Amino acid sequence: MMVSKITEVTIFESPDGGRTVYARHPGAQHRSLHYQDPKLKQELDELEHKRRWAEIFESRHNNIALNELCSKVEVLYELSKKNK
């Protein structure tokens, strides 16, 4: 008897204990994101936001307007701490 149907197999992999799950076909190097824990997504977004602010703060040395705005943000931050 000849088998007329071949079932496609998908391999699921998680490098971080299930917080992120990738899917790929056997032998393939390309994988696609299958699942990401919403809390992990929030954490990654927050880290990216912090990285961006650090980049903005560092680049203020080469941009007068950005430097002035950063100074104003620092003043606003200090004032908001005192008003708590």
C-alpha atoms as a PDB file:
ATOM      1  CA  MET A   1       0.000   0.000   0.000  1.00  0.00           C
ATOM      2  CA  MET A   2       1.326   3.415  -0.914  1.00  0.00           C
ATOM      3  CA  VAL A   3       0.920   6.355   1.449  1.00  0.00           C
ATOM      4  CA  SER A   4      -0.852   9.134  -0.384  1.00  0.00           C
ATOM      5  CA  LYS A   5      -0.709  11.788   2.258  1.00  0.00           C
ATOM      6  CA  ILE A   6       2.388  13.307   3.840  1.00  0.00           C
ATOM      7  CA  THR A   7       1.939  15.326   6.985  1.00  0.00           C
ATOM      8  CA  GLU A   8       4.013  18.471   7.241  1.00  0.00           C
ATOM      9  CA  VAL A   9       5.922  18.727  10.485  1.00  0.00           C
ATOM     10  CA  THR A  10       6.545  21.956  12.363  1.00  0.00           C
ATOM     11  CA  ILE A  11       9.222  22.214  15.012  1.00  0.00           C
ATOM     12  CA  PHE A  12       8.601  24.607  17.885  1.00  0.00           C
ATOM     13  CA  GLU A  13      11.613  25.971  19.782  1.00  0.00           C
ATOM     14  CA  SER A  14      11.933  28.229  22.775  1.00  0.00           C
ATOM     15  CA  PRO A  15      15.312  29.659  23.808  1.00  0.00           C
ATOM     16  CA  ASP A  16      13.917  31.160  27.011  1.00  0.00           C
ATOM     17  CA  GLY A  17      11.748  28.537  28.647  1.00  0.00           C
ATOM     18  CA  GLY A  18       8.519  29.338  26.822  1.00  0.00           C
ATOM     19  CA  ARG A  19       8.421  33.131  26.957  1.00  0.00           C
ATOM     20  CA  THR A  20       9.219  33.222  23.240  1.00  0.00           C
ATOM     21  CA  VAL A  21       8.337  30.373  20.881  1.00  0.00           C
ATOM     22  CA  TYR A  22       9.583  30.060  17.304  1.00  0.00           C
ATOM     23  CA  ALA A  23       8.327  27.708  14.587  1.00  0.00           C
ATOM     24  CA  ARG A  24      10.336  26.220  11.734  1.00  0.00           C
ATOM     25  CA  HIS A  25      10.205  23.296   9.326  1.00  0.00           C
ATOM     26  CA  PRO A  26      12.738  20.457   9.655  1.00  0.00           C
ATOM     27  CA  GLY A  27      16.013  21.343   7.947  1.00  0.00           C
ATOM     28  CA  ALA A  28      15.096  25.012   7.583  1.00  0.00           C
ATOM     29  CA  GLN A  29      17.234  27.715   9.122  1.00  0.00           C
ATOM     30  CA  HIS A  30      14.532  30.376   8.901  1.00  0.00           C
ATOM     31  CA  ARG A  31      12.162  30.444  11.819  1.00  0.00           C
ATOM     32  CA  SER A  32       9.177  32.633  12.550  1.00  0.00           C
ATOM     33  CA  LEU A  33       7.879  33.986  15.812  1.00  0.00           C
ATOM     34  CA  HIS A  34       4.968  31.835  16.903  1.00  0.00           C
ATOM     35  CA  TYR A  35       4.292  33.254  20.395  1.00  0.00           C
ATOM     36  CA  GLN A  36       5.701  35.914  22.705  1.00  0.00           C
ATOM     37  CA  ASP A  37       4.660  36.398  26.311  1.00  0.00           C
ATOM     38  CA  PRO A  38       2.887  39.800  26.519  1.00  0.00           C
ATOM     39  CA  LYS A  39       4.896  40.699  29.636  1.00  0.00           C
ATOM     40  CA  LEU A  40       8.120  39.964  27.765  1.00  0.00           C
ATOM     41  CA  LYS A  41       6.972  42.214  24.925  1.00  0.00           C
ATOM     42  CA  GLN A  42       6.314  45.019  27.430  1.00  0.00           C
ATOM     43  CA  GLU A  43       9.743  44.498  28.997  1.00  0.00           C
ATOM     44  CA  LEU A  44      11.464  44.593  25.596  1.00  0.00           C
ATOM     45  CA  ASP A  45       9.519  47.700  24.574  1.00  0.00           C
ATOM     46  CA  GLU A  46      10.525  49.409  27.834  1.00  0.00           C
ATOM     47  CA  LEU A  47      14.185  48.508  27.303  1.00  0.00           C
ATOM     48  CA  GLU A  48      14.033  49.907  23.764  1.00  0.00           C
ATOM     49  CA  HIS A  49      12.444  53.096  25.101  1.00  0.00           C
ATOM     50  CA  LYS A  50      15.226  53.491  27.685  1.00  0.00           C
ATOM     51  CA  ARG A  51      17.882  52.818  25.034  1.00  0.00           C
ATOM     52  CA  ARG A  52      16.331  55.490  22.834  1.00  0.00           C
ATOM     53  CA  TRP A  53      16.338  58.066  25.654  1.00  0.00           C
ATOM     54  CA  ALA A  54      20.003  57.271  26.344  1.00  0.00           C
ATOM     55  CA  GLU A  55      20.770  57.777  22.651  1.00  0.00           C
ATOM     56  CA  ILE A  56      18.886  61.100  22.657  1.00  0.00           C
ATOM     57  CA  PHE A  57      20.730  62.250  25.775  1.00  0.00           C
ATOM     58  CA  GLU A  58      24.120  61.329  24.300  1.00  0.00           C
ATOM     59  CA  SER A  59      23.391  63.051  20.986  1.00  0.00           C
ATOM     60  CA  ARG A  60      22.472  66.339  22.696  1.00  0.00           C
ATOM     61  CA  HIS A  61      26.141  67.380  22.563  1.00  0.00           C
ATOM     62  CA  ASN A  62      25.894  67.796  18.791  1.00  0.00           C
ATOM     63  CA  ASN A  63      22.493  69.485  18.675  1.00  0.00           C
ATOM     64  CA  ILE A  64      21.855  72.833  20.381  1.00  0.00           C
ATOM     65  CA  ALA A  65      18.044  72.572  20.289  1.00  0.00           C
ATOM     66  CA  LEU A  66      18.137  69.023  21.645  1.00  0.00           C
ATOM     67  CA  ASN A  67      20.530  70.088  24.392  1.00  0.00           C
ATOM     68  CA  GLU A  68      18.172  72.889  25.452  1.00  0.00           C
ATOM     69  CA  LEU A  69      15.195  70.518  25.491  1.00  0.00           C
ATOM     70  CA  CYS A  70      17.119  67.954  27.552  1.00  0.00           C
ATOM     71  CA  SER A  71      17.979  70.669  30.055  1.00  0.00           C
ATOM     72  CA  LYS A  72      14.302  71.641  30.292  1.00  0.00           C
ATOM     73  CA  VAL A  73      13.305  68.003  30.781  1.00  0.00           C
ATOM     74  CA  GLU A  74      15.855  67.697  33.592  1.00  0.00           C
ATOM     75  CA  VAL A  75      14.442  70.804  35.302  1.00  0.00           C
ATOM     76  CA  LEU A  76      10.896  69.525  34.903  1.00  0.00           C
ATOM     77  CA  TYR A  77      11.928  66.168  36.331  1.00  0.00           C
ATOM     78  CA  GLU A  78      13.555  67.753  39.384  1.00  0.00           C
ATOM     79  CA  LEU A  79      10.517  69.977  39.976  1.00  0.00           C
ATOM     80  CA  SER A  80       8.165  67.022  39.722  1.00  0.00           C
ATOM     81  CA  LYS A  81      10.231  65.121  42.330  1.00  0.00           C
ATOM     82  CA  LYS A  82       9.925  68.042  44.743  1.00  0.00           C
ATOM     83  CA  ASN A  83       6.140  68.276  44.256  1.00  0.00           C
ATOM     84  CA  LYS A  84       5.486  64.673  45.286  1.00  0.00           C
END
